[in-house]
Amino acid sequence: MSRTAKIILILIFLLAGFFRLYQLPHTPPGLYPDEAMNGNNAIEALHTGTYRVYYPENNGREGLFINIQAIFLKLIGTNEPWVLRLPSALFGIFTVLGIFFLARELFKTYSEKYAVYVGLLSSFLLATSFWHIIFSRIGFRAILAPFFLVWALYFLLKSLRTENSSANWQIPYSIFAGILFGAGFHTYIAYRVTPALILILIAWIWWLYKENRKRILLVSCFFIFASVITVFPLGLHYLGTPDDFFGRTGQISVFSSPAPLHDLGINIIKTAGMFTIHGDENWRHNYAGRPELFFPVGTMFLVGFILGIKNFLKKETTFPFLILFSWLGLAALPVVISNEGLPHALRAILMIPPVIILASVGTVALYNTLKAYLPKIIFLSTFYILISLMIIEPFNTYFLRWAHNSNTQGAFAADYVAIGHEINLLPKKTQKYMVIEAGGVDIRGIPMPAQTVMFITNSFLPENQIEKNIHYILPADRITIPSNAEMFEIK
């Protein structure tokens, strides 16, 4: 890779860091109860010294992300929302780096120059993707899924392609890839579709490199072994409590509806349209209704998709598009078979990398076309204007429009955080009663919305509630509140 390409990659990495760390203590506003539940479980893990592979509350969550959050809480030592979101930001930043290496590795059979172009553009488009930025700044475990899959695929490809890896590095690469891939199962339920992608990748490499099948088999065995060992603790948990494996899947499945085929068709149309027509309407996941891709990027995704189909039947260029199309289709499955809140940007988070890489392929094609036909001054002006727009648009949409929208504050329960800070200002001797009127999943006898105040006041654990003189009650117990107590309501 040239020195110029390395400098560009460093600048993109810094840009990704800016979009994911800028104003993190203030944006998003508030703290959604699901984020707070993660934080409270992390606090309990620190207190008890018991770090779980699976936390069963709030419909169940794989434990890796919560345990990482616990480390950050211990190191930073403050119960503020941004501490729970900092791990997401860091994983998001390094996914931007990872997609460069993966895209370059996928397209190396074309030419080194072309592969670097696609890699750099993939990294840039992901760095400036509102879709990826928004989940890189929320304390949800799902952001880990694309991180682990991108890096696992990169190292697996490095280990399987004998012409790209020396024999000495193939086995270490495959083991590292297996660890990364296995870790992905500890992140988000949608990740469970990915073994099919790995099977397709290995099978194609097996067919493509007939003369190296013994080495490919050896590398694959090390990869599978490392993956199984990494997944084993979570698998052991699921064997003991199989209900946790299915979680809410059955509740929201399209196959539980009266007309599953009709609903499935509608879900496919909604999911296909989310990229360029109408996106997620949930303010936590998106600027409600905005297409997941900025218009120029969405256009380039369609161009890349068409080019991929065109090249798919050519033996020498099939492989990268086989992987990207398989990835896209498999990652869409958890989205289209669910009947909740579609289009659903969060559930579709594993679709982001292949979508971005296909958009980069389309961009390179357009770049080469315009360069051949436009005068140099017009071409360069157009190119730099588009690059500037790609940076200005997510900044404007996220930090100026979305962050200050009243719907966003409501979506992240900003008023609950304000209550928590108000309670923190009161003397310990003052009796404080929280009346939880809002409904939600039951968490140890108290509805879920209380989790935000519990995290901000560090009063999730019973002993902390006693120490801080904070009481959480249901509306029916309002008559038990002493006349001299301070009362707050979660509505």
Protein backbone atom coordinates (compact mmCIF):
# COMPACT_ATOMS: atom_id res chain seq x y z
CA MET A 1 0.00 0.00 0.00
CA SER A 2 1.35 3.42 -0.96
CA ARG A 3 2.28 6.14 1.52
CA THR A 4 -0.59 8.29 0.25
CA ALA A 5 -3.11 5.50 0.87
CA LYS A 6 -1.78 5.05 4.41
CA ILE A 7 -2.17 8.77 5.12
CA ILE A 8 -5.73 8.74 3.75
CA LEU A 9 -6.58 5.72 5.91
CA ILE A 10 -5.22 7.49 9.02
CA LEU A 11 -7.32 10.57 8.20
CA ILE A 12 -10.43 8.40 7.76
CA PHE A 13 -9.71 6.69 11.08
CA LEU A 14 -9.46 10.10 12.77
CA LEU A 15 -12.70 11.17 11.07
CA ALA A 16 -14.41 8.03 12.39
CA GLY A 17 -13.13 8.88 15.86
CA PHE A 18 -14.49 12.41 15.60
CA PHE A 19 -17.98 11.30 14.60
CA ARG A 20 -18.12 8.69 17.37
CA LEU A 21 -16.50 10.61 20.25
CA TYR A 22 -17.44 14.26 19.65
CA GLN A 23 -19.87 15.49 22.37
CA LEU A 24 -20.30 11.92 23.64
CA PRO A 25 -20.98 13.15 27.24
CA HIS A 26 -23.99 15.10 25.94
CA THR A 27 -25.23 13.26 22.85
CA PRO A 28 -27.43 11.27 22.73
CA PRO A 29 -29.39 13.07 25.44
CA GLY A 30 -30.69 11.00 28.33
CA LEU A 31 -30.26 7.27 28.87
CA TYR A 32 -32.70 4.72 27.49
CA PRO A 33 -33.75 2.12 30.12
CA ASP A 34 -32.30 -0.73 28.02
CA GLU A 35 -28.89 0.99 28.18
CA ALA A 36 -29.34 1.61 31.89
CA MET A 37 -30.22 -2.05 32.48
CA ASN A 38 -26.86 -3.00 30.94
CA GLY A 39 -25.14 -0.50 33.21
CA ASN A 40 -26.91 -1.77 36.33
CA ASN A 41 -26.00 -5.37 35.53
CA ALA A 42 -22.41 -4.20 35.01
CA ILE A 43 -22.44 -2.48 38.42
CA GLU A 44 -23.79 -5.63 40.03
CA ALA A 45 -21.09 -7.70 38.32
CA LEU A 46 -18.43 -5.37 39.74
CA HIS A 47 -19.99 -5.59 43.19
CA THR A 48 -20.37 -9.38 43.27
CA GLY A 49 -17.36 -10.28 41.13
CA THR A 50 -19.66 -12.49 39.03
CA TYR A 51 -19.45 -11.78 35.31
CA ARG A 52 -22.05 -13.75 33.38
CA VAL A 53 -22.03 -15.04 29.82
CA TYR A 54 -25.75 -14.28 29.71
CA TYR A 55 -27.86 -11.80 31.68
CA PRO A 56 -31.47 -13.06 31.71
CA GLU A 57 -33.27 -9.82 32.60
CA ASN A 58 -34.89 -7.52 30.02
CA ASN A 59 -35.66 -10.44 27.66
CA GLY A 60 -32.09 -11.71 28.00
CA ARG A 61 -28.77 -10.40 26.69
CA GLU A 62 -25.45 -11.97 25.84
CA GLY A 63 -22.98 -10.88 28.51
CA LEU A 64 -19.81 -9.84 26.69
CA PHE A 65 -20.75 -6.21 26.10
CA ILE A 66 -22.05 -5.75 29.65
CA ASN A 67 -18.84 -7.17 31.07
CA ILE A 68 -16.81 -4.78 28.91
CA GLN A 69 -18.98 -1.91 30.18
CA ALA A 70 -18.21 -3.04 33.74
CA ILE A 71 -14.49 -2.59 33.05
CA PHE A 72 -15.08 0.95 31.78
CA LEU A 73 -17.25 1.80 34.80
CA LYS A 74 -14.51 0.58 37.13
CA LEU A 75 -11.72 2.43 35.30
CA ILE A 76 -13.60 5.73 34.89
CA GLY A 77 -15.47 5.58 38.18
CA THR A 78 -18.60 7.58 37.38
CA ASN A 79 -22.20 6.65 36.66
CA GLU A 80 -22.82 8.78 33.60
CA PRO A 81 -24.44 7.62 30.33
CA TRP A 82 -21.35 8.34 28.23
CA VAL A 83 -19.33 5.73 30.14
CA LEU A 84 -21.75 3.03 28.95
CA ARG A 85 -21.51 4.35 25.40
CA LEU A 86 -17.74 4.71 25.17
CA PRO A 87 -17.18 0.99 24.40
CA SER A 88 -19.67 1.27 21.53
CA ALA A 89 -17.79 4.25 20.12
CA LEU A 90 -14.45 2.44 20.26
CA PHE A 91 -15.78 -0.72 18.63
CA GLY A 92 -17.42 1.45 15.97
CA ILE A 93 -14.15 3.23 15.24
CA PHE A 94 -12.21 -0.02 14.84
CA THR A 95 -14.93 -1.46 12.60
CA VAL A 96 -14.19 1.45 10.25
CA LEU A 97 -10.56 0.33 10.18
CA GLY A 98 -11.52 -3.32 9.77
CA ILE A 99 -13.76 -2.76 6.77
CA PHE A 100 -10.80 -1.28 4.86
CA PHE A 101 -8.74 -4.44 5.33
CA LEU A 102 -11.67 -6.74 4.59
CA ALA A 103 -12.74 -4.90 1.42
CA ARG A 104 -9.14 -4.78 0.19
CA GLU A 105 -8.73 -8.49 0.84
CA LEU A 106 -12.01 -9.34 -0.92
CA PHE A 107 -11.04 -7.52 -4.11
CA LYS A 108 -7.34 -8.39 -4.27
CA THR A 109 -8.02 -10.76 -7.17
CA TYR A 110 -8.87 -7.68 -9.29
CA SER A 111 -5.76 -5.57 -8.69
CA GLU A 112 -3.98 -4.10 -5.68
CA LYS A 113 -4.86 -0.57 -6.79
CA TYR A 114 -8.55 -1.35 -7.25
CA ALA A 115 -8.68 -3.21 -3.93
CA VAL A 116 -7.14 -0.25 -2.07
CA TYR A 117 -9.64 2.14 -3.69
CA VAL A 118 -12.59 -0.01 -2.63
CA GLY A 119 -11.09 -0.43 0.84
CA LEU A 120 -10.52 3.28 1.39
CA LEU A 121 -13.96 4.19 0.10
CA SER A 122 -15.58 1.51 2.27
CA SER A 123 -13.78 2.88 5.30
CA PHE A 124 -14.75 6.47 4.45
CA LEU A 125 -18.41 5.66 3.77
CA LEU A 126 -18.66 3.69 7.02
CA ALA A 127 -16.91 6.48 8.97
CA THR A 128 -19.52 8.96 7.71
CA SER A 129 -22.54 6.63 7.78
CA PHE A 130 -25.31 8.04 9.96
CA TRP A 131 -26.62 4.48 10.32
CA HIS A 132 -23.35 3.28 11.83
CA ILE A 133 -22.61 6.49 13.76
CA ILE A 134 -25.90 6.38 15.65
CA PHE A 135 -25.33 2.83 16.95
CA SER A 136 -21.67 3.62 17.71
CA ARG A 137 -22.92 6.15 20.27
CA ILE A 138 -25.56 4.04 22.06
CA GLY A 139 -24.90 1.50 24.81
CA PHE A 140 -26.35 -1.46 22.87
CA ARG A 141 -24.43 -4.70 22.44
CA ALA A 142 -25.38 -4.99 18.75
CA ILE A 143 -22.52 -2.69 17.66
CA LEU A 144 -20.08 -5.52 18.48
CA ALA A 145 -21.62 -7.84 15.85
CA PRO A 146 -20.28 -6.08 12.71
CA PHE A 147 -16.94 -5.48 14.44
CA PHE A 148 -16.32 -9.16 15.13
CA LEU A 149 -17.64 -10.37 11.78
CA VAL A 150 -15.62 -7.88 9.72
CA TRP A 151 -12.35 -8.69 11.45
CA ALA A 152 -13.05 -12.45 11.59
CA LEU A 153 -13.70 -12.58 7.84
CA TYR A 154 -10.55 -10.58 7.13
CA PHE A 155 -8.25 -12.89 9.11
CA LEU A 156 -10.01 -16.00 7.82
CA LEU A 157 -9.45 -14.85 4.23
CA LYS A 158 -5.80 -14.10 5.04
CA SER A 159 -5.36 -17.61 6.38
CA LEU A 160 -7.20 -19.41 3.56
CA ARG A 161 -5.61 -17.61 0.62
CA THR A 162 -2.26 -19.28 0.35
CA GLU A 163 -0.94 -16.71 -2.12
CA ASN A 164 -1.67 -13.91 0.36
CA SER A 165 -0.32 -15.50 3.52
CA SER A 166 2.93 -17.20 4.29
CA ALA A 167 2.64 -20.71 5.69
CA ASN A 168 4.02 -19.51 9.02
CA TRP A 169 1.11 -17.11 9.54
CA GLN A 170 -1.79 -19.19 8.25
CA ILE A 171 -2.48 -21.10 11.45
CA PRO A 172 -2.17 -18.07 13.81
CA TYR A 173 -4.45 -16.09 11.47
CA SER A 174 -7.02 -18.89 11.43
CA ILE A 175 -7.00 -19.24 15.23
CA PHE A 176 -7.36 -15.50 15.70
CA ALA A 177 -10.17 -15.44 13.13
CA GLY A 178 -11.89 -18.27 15.00
CA ILE A 179 -11.66 -16.43 18.32
CA LEU A 180 -13.08 -13.27 16.77
CA PHE A 181 -15.84 -15.17 14.99
CA GLY A 182 -16.77 -17.09 18.12
CA ALA A 183 -16.83 -13.88 20.17
CA GLY A 184 -19.48 -12.56 17.80
CA PHE A 185 -22.00 -15.05 19.20
CA HIS A 186 -21.63 -13.28 22.54
CA THR A 187 -22.97 -10.05 21.02
CA TYR A 188 -26.39 -10.10 19.35
CA ILE A 189 -28.98 -12.69 18.37
CA ALA A 190 -28.86 -11.73 14.66
CA TYR A 191 -25.24 -12.97 14.55
CA ARG A 192 -26.47 -16.58 14.58
CA VAL A 193 -26.96 -16.53 10.79
CA THR A 194 -23.23 -16.06 10.16
CA PRO A 195 -22.06 -19.74 10.18
CA ALA A 196 -23.81 -20.11 6.80
CA LEU A 197 -21.65 -17.27 5.46
CA ILE A 198 -18.48 -18.95 6.74
CA LEU A 199 -19.55 -22.23 5.14
CA ILE A 200 -20.07 -20.49 1.77
CA LEU A 201 -16.69 -18.76 2.02
CA ILE A 202 -14.73 -21.91 2.89
CA ALA A 203 -16.57 -24.00 0.28
CA TRP A 204 -15.77 -21.51 -2.47
CA ILE A 205 -12.10 -21.27 -1.47
CA TRP A 206 -12.01 -25.09 -1.38
CA TRP A 207 -13.38 -25.21 -4.93
CA LEU A 208 -11.18 -22.37 -6.19
CA TYR A 209 -7.83 -23.61 -4.86
CA LYS A 210 -7.98 -27.35 -5.61
CA GLU A 211 -4.21 -27.78 -5.35
CA ASN A 212 -4.15 -26.54 -1.73
CA ARG A 213 -7.06 -28.44 -0.23
CA LYS A 214 -5.03 -30.15 2.50
CA ARG A 215 -3.81 -26.80 3.80
CA ILE A 216 -7.30 -25.25 3.48
CA LEU A 217 -8.73 -28.16 5.47
CA LEU A 218 -6.10 -27.73 8.18
CA VAL A 219 -6.68 -23.98 8.41
CA SER A 220 -10.45 -24.48 8.52
CA CYS A 221 -10.14 -27.03 11.32
CA PHE A 222 -8.11 -24.62 13.46
CA PHE A 223 -10.65 -21.87 12.73
CA ILE A 224 -13.60 -24.07 13.71
CA PHE A 225 -11.85 -25.34 16.82
CA ALA A 226 -11.05 -21.80 18.02
CA SER A 227 -14.62 -20.70 17.27
CA VAL A 228 -16.17 -23.60 19.19
CA ILE A 229 -13.94 -23.02 22.22
CA THR A 230 -14.89 -19.33 22.25
CA VAL A 231 -18.61 -20.04 21.93
CA PHE A 232 -18.54 -22.96 24.41
CA PRO A 233 -19.37 -21.05 27.64
CA LEU A 234 -22.45 -19.46 26.04
CA GLY A 235 -23.48 -22.76 24.43
CA LEU A 236 -23.20 -24.47 27.81
CA HIS A 237 -25.53 -21.84 29.26
CA TYR A 238 -28.08 -22.39 26.48
CA LEU A 239 -27.97 -26.16 27.02
CA GLY A 240 -28.92 -25.59 30.65
CA THR A 241 -31.60 -22.99 29.89
CA PRO A 242 -32.82 -23.53 26.31
CA ASP A 243 -35.53 -20.88 26.70
CA ASP A 244 -32.79 -18.24 26.80
CA PHE A 245 -31.59 -19.34 23.38
CA PHE A 246 -34.91 -18.47 21.75
CA GLY A 247 -35.59 -15.35 23.82
CA ARG A 248 -38.17 -13.11 22.11
CA THR A 249 -37.70 -14.75 18.71
CA GLY A 250 -40.95 -16.69 18.90
CA GLN A 251 -42.91 -13.69 20.18
CA ILE A 252 -42.05 -11.43 17.24
CA SER A 253 -41.67 -14.06 14.50
CA VAL A 254 -43.57 -13.55 11.25
CA PHE A 255 -44.55 -17.22 11.46
CA SER A 256 -46.64 -16.47 14.55
CA SER A 257 -48.90 -14.15 12.54
CA PRO A 258 -52.22 -15.24 10.94
CA ALA A 259 -50.82 -14.55 7.41
CA PRO A 260 -47.09 -15.35 7.53
CA LEU A 261 -46.41 -15.34 3.77
CA HIS A 262 -48.19 -12.01 3.27
CA ASP A 263 -46.32 -10.46 6.20
CA LEU A 264 -43.02 -11.90 5.00
CA GLY A 265 -43.51 -10.30 1.59
CA ILE A 266 -44.33 -6.92 3.16
CA ASN A 267 -41.31 -7.21 5.45
CA ILE A 268 -38.98 -7.90 2.51
CA ILE A 269 -40.30 -4.84 0.67
CA LYS A 270 -39.91 -2.62 3.76
CA THR A 271 -36.39 -3.88 4.42
CA ALA A 272 -35.31 -3.43 0.79
CA GLY A 273 -36.72 0.09 0.81
CA MET A 274 -34.99 1.14 4.01
CA PHE A 275 -31.71 1.89 2.21
CA THR A 276 -32.94 4.54 -0.22
CA ILE A 277 -36.68 5.18 0.28
CA HIS A 278 -37.94 5.02 3.87
CA GLY A 279 -35.87 4.05 6.91
CA ASP A 280 -36.49 3.12 10.54
CA GLU A 281 -39.07 5.36 12.23
CA ASN A 282 -37.72 4.80 15.74
CA TRP A 283 -35.93 7.98 16.91
CA ARG A 284 -33.41 5.90 18.87
CA HIS A 285 -32.33 4.18 15.67
CA ASN A 286 -32.63 6.90 13.07
CA TYR A 287 -33.78 10.38 12.18
CA ALA A 288 -37.28 8.93 11.89
CA GLY A 289 -38.14 7.79 8.39
CA ARG A 290 -34.85 8.99 6.82
CA PRO A 291 -33.38 6.41 4.41
CA GLU A 292 -30.51 4.57 6.06
CA LEU A 293 -28.16 5.73 3.30
CA PHE A 294 -27.50 9.34 2.32
CA PHE A 295 -28.87 9.86 -1.22
CA PRO A 296 -25.51 9.73 -3.10
CA VAL A 297 -24.43 6.66 -1.10
CA GLY A 298 -27.79 4.98 -1.71
CA THR A 299 -27.42 5.61 -5.43
CA MET A 300 -23.92 4.17 -5.44
CA PHE A 301 -25.17 1.12 -3.49
CA LEU A 302 -27.69 0.43 -6.26
CA VAL A 303 -24.94 0.87 -8.89
CA GLY A 304 -22.65 -1.49 -6.95
CA PHE A 305 -25.46 -4.02 -6.55
CA ILE A 306 -26.13 -4.02 -10.31
CA LEU A 307 -22.42 -4.29 -11.09
CA GLY A 308 -22.19 -7.18 -8.65
CA ILE A 309 -24.96 -9.06 -10.43
CA LYS A 310 -23.29 -8.33 -13.77
CA ASN A 311 -19.94 -9.73 -12.55
CA PHE A 312 -21.40 -12.57 -10.53
CA LEU A 313 -21.28 -15.15 -13.33
CA LYS A 314 -17.69 -14.37 -14.29
CA LYS A 315 -15.48 -16.95 -12.60
CA GLU A 316 -12.56 -14.61 -11.97
CA THR A 317 -14.74 -11.93 -10.33
CA THR A 318 -17.45 -14.04 -8.66
CA PHE A 319 -15.90 -14.50 -5.22
CA PRO A 320 -16.22 -11.03 -3.62
CA PHE A 321 -19.79 -10.60 -4.83
CA LEU A 322 -20.73 -14.13 -3.75
CA ILE A 323 -19.59 -13.23 -0.24
CA LEU A 324 -21.25 -9.79 -0.24
CA PHE A 325 -24.59 -11.01 -1.63
CA SER A 326 -24.61 -14.01 0.72
CA TRP A 327 -23.79 -11.74 3.65
CA LEU A 328 -26.53 -9.30 2.67
CA GLY A 329 -29.16 -12.01 2.26
CA LEU A 330 -28.28 -13.86 5.47
CA ALA A 331 -28.13 -10.65 7.54
CA ALA A 332 -31.57 -9.70 6.19
CA LEU A 333 -33.14 -12.93 7.48
CA PRO A 334 -33.47 -11.90 11.18
CA VAL A 335 -35.06 -8.65 9.98
CA VAL A 336 -37.63 -9.95 7.51
CA ILE A 337 -38.82 -12.87 9.65
CA SER A 338 -39.68 -10.52 12.51
CA ASN A 339 -42.93 -8.61 12.73
CA GLU A 340 -41.85 -5.77 14.99
CA GLY A 341 -41.08 -2.17 14.01
CA LEU A 342 -40.01 -2.66 10.41
CA PRO A 343 -37.94 -1.29 8.81
CA HIS A 344 -35.63 -1.99 11.74
CA ALA A 345 -32.15 -0.44 11.52
CA LEU A 346 -30.86 -2.08 14.71
CA ARG A 347 -31.87 -5.61 13.79
CA ALA A 348 -30.33 -5.01 10.35
CA ILE A 349 -26.98 -3.86 11.76
CA LEU A 350 -25.07 -6.80 10.22
CA MET A 351 -26.18 -5.60 6.79
CA ILE A 352 -24.15 -2.39 7.12
CA PRO A 353 -20.72 -3.74 6.01
CA PRO A 354 -21.85 -5.44 2.76
CA VAL A 355 -24.08 -2.48 1.89
CA ILE A 356 -21.18 -0.07 2.39
CA ILE A 357 -18.73 -2.20 0.39
CA LEU A 358 -21.20 -2.50 -2.51
CA ALA A 359 -21.69 1.29 -2.40
CA SER A 360 -17.90 1.64 -2.62
CA VAL A 361 -17.78 -0.61 -5.69
CA GLY A 362 -20.42 1.60 -7.29
CA THR A 363 -18.48 4.73 -6.34
CA VAL A 364 -15.23 3.44 -7.89
CA ALA A 365 -17.11 2.63 -11.10
CA LEU A 366 -18.65 6.11 -11.24
CA TYR A 367 -15.28 7.69 -10.41
CA ASN A 368 -13.58 5.93 -13.31
CA THR A 369 -16.41 6.83 -15.69
CA LEU A 370 -16.48 10.52 -14.78
CA LYS A 371 -12.69 10.73 -14.84
CA ALA A 372 -12.67 9.44 -18.43
CA TYR A 373 -15.34 11.82 -19.74
CA LEU A 374 -15.22 15.03 -17.70
CA PRO A 375 -12.61 17.80 -17.95
CA LYS A 376 -10.15 17.52 -15.08
CA ILE A 377 -11.25 20.75 -13.35
CA ILE A 378 -14.92 19.74 -13.40
CA PHE A 379 -14.13 16.20 -12.33
CA LEU A 380 -11.99 17.28 -9.37
CA SER A 381 -14.51 19.93 -8.32
CA THR A 382 -17.33 17.36 -8.38
CA PHE A 383 -15.23 14.83 -6.48
CA TYR A 384 -14.28 17.22 -3.66
CA ILE A 385 -17.81 18.60 -3.38
CA LEU A 386 -19.16 15.06 -2.92
CA ILE A 387 -16.50 14.24 -0.32
CA SER A 388 -17.39 17.43 1.57
CA LEU A 389 -21.10 16.61 1.41
CA MET A 390 -20.42 13.14 2.83
CA ILE A 391 -18.81 14.76 5.88
CA ILE A 392 -21.20 17.71 6.32
CA GLU A 393 -24.42 15.70 5.94
CA PRO A 394 -23.95 13.26 8.88
CA PHE A 395 -22.67 16.09 11.09
CA ASN A 396 -25.73 18.20 10.30
CA THR A 397 -28.18 15.31 10.58
CA TYR A 398 -26.77 13.83 13.78
CA PHE A 399 -25.39 16.71 15.85
CA LEU A 400 -27.61 19.59 14.71
CA ARG A 401 -30.96 18.04 13.76
CA TRP A 402 -31.31 14.66 15.44
CA ALA A 403 -29.53 15.40 18.73
CA HIS A 404 -31.63 18.49 19.48
CA ASN A 405 -34.97 17.08 18.36
CA SER A 406 -37.52 16.74 21.16
CA ASN A 407 -38.42 13.28 19.86
CA THR A 408 -34.84 12.15 20.43
CA GLN A 409 -34.89 13.39 24.02
CA GLY A 410 -38.10 11.46 24.60
CA ALA A 411 -36.70 8.35 22.94
CA PHE A 412 -33.74 8.37 25.33
CA ALA A 413 -35.74 9.20 28.47
CA ALA A 414 -33.89 12.48 29.07
CA ASP A 415 -36.44 13.41 31.76
CA TYR A 416 -35.54 10.27 33.75
CA VAL A 417 -31.88 11.27 33.74
CA ALA A 418 -32.86 14.75 34.98
CA ILE A 419 -34.77 13.13 37.87
CA GLY A 420 -31.73 11.02 38.71
CA HIS A 421 -29.45 14.07 38.82
CA GLU A 422 -31.99 15.91 40.97
CA ILE A 423 -32.04 13.04 43.45
CA ASN A 424 -28.24 13.03 43.58
CA LEU A 425 -28.34 16.65 44.81
CA LEU A 426 -30.52 15.78 47.81
CA PRO A 427 -28.99 14.88 51.21
CA LYS A 428 -28.71 11.17 51.99
CA LYS A 429 -30.93 11.56 55.06
CA THR A 430 -33.83 12.76 52.91
CA GLN A 431 -36.25 9.95 52.12
CA LYS A 432 -36.75 9.73 48.37
CA TYR A 433 -39.63 7.79 46.85
CA MET A 434 -39.79 6.89 43.17
CA VAL A 435 -43.32 6.03 42.01
CA ILE A 436 -43.01 3.96 38.82
CA GLU A 437 -46.17 4.58 36.82
CA ALA A 438 -44.68 3.73 33.43
CA GLY A 439 -45.15 0.16 32.28
CA GLY A 440 -42.46 -2.20 31.08
CA VAL A 441 -40.78 -5.54 31.60
CA ASP A 442 -40.69 -6.50 35.27
CA ILE A 443 -37.20 -6.25 36.75
CA ARG A 444 -37.12 -7.66 40.29
CA GLY A 445 -40.62 -6.38 41.02
CA ILE A 446 -40.21 -2.93 39.47
CA PRO A 447 -41.03 -1.92 35.85
CA MET A 448 -38.13 -1.46 33.46
CA PRO A 449 -38.27 2.40 33.17
CA ALA A 450 -36.87 2.71 36.71
CA GLN A 451 -33.51 1.42 35.47
CA THR A 452 -32.44 4.84 34.19
CA VAL A 453 -32.85 6.53 37.58
CA MET A 454 -31.29 3.52 39.30
CA PHE A 455 -28.16 3.84 37.16
CA ILE A 456 -27.78 7.61 37.51
CA THR A 457 -28.23 7.39 41.31
CA ASN A 458 -26.31 4.10 41.65
CA SER A 459 -29.27 2.56 43.47
CA PHE A 460 -29.88 -0.70 41.60
CA LEU A 461 -28.52 -2.84 44.41
CA PRO A 462 -30.73 -3.10 47.54
CA GLU A 463 -27.88 -2.10 49.85
CA ASN A 464 -27.29 1.06 47.82
CA GLN A 465 -30.98 1.91 47.98
CA ILE A 466 -30.80 1.67 51.77
CA GLU A 467 -27.59 3.70 51.94
CA LYS A 468 -28.98 6.47 49.71
CA ASN A 469 -32.46 6.35 51.25
CA ILE A 470 -34.13 5.74 47.88
CA HIS A 471 -37.32 3.70 47.59
CA TYR A 472 -38.88 2.36 44.37
CA ILE A 473 -42.58 1.66 44.63
CA LEU A 474 -45.61 0.98 42.44
CA PRO A 475 -48.58 3.41 42.24
CA ALA A 476 -50.66 1.18 44.54
CA ASP A 477 -48.12 1.76 47.33
CA ARG A 478 -48.27 5.53 47.10
CA ILE A 479 -50.13 5.69 50.45
CA THR A 480 -46.99 4.39 52.22
CA ILE A 481 -44.96 7.51 51.36
CA PRO A 482 -44.20 9.57 54.52
CA SER A 483 -45.41 13.16 54.46
CA ASN A 484 -41.86 14.55 54.84
CA ALA A 485 -40.41 12.49 51.95
CA GLU A 486 -39.47 13.72 48.50
CA MET A 487 -41.58 12.04 45.83
CA PHE A 488 -40.74 11.60 42.13
CA GLU A 489 -42.78 10.00 39.39
CA ILE A 490 -41.66 7.97 36.40
CA LYS A 491 -44.48 8.26 33.87
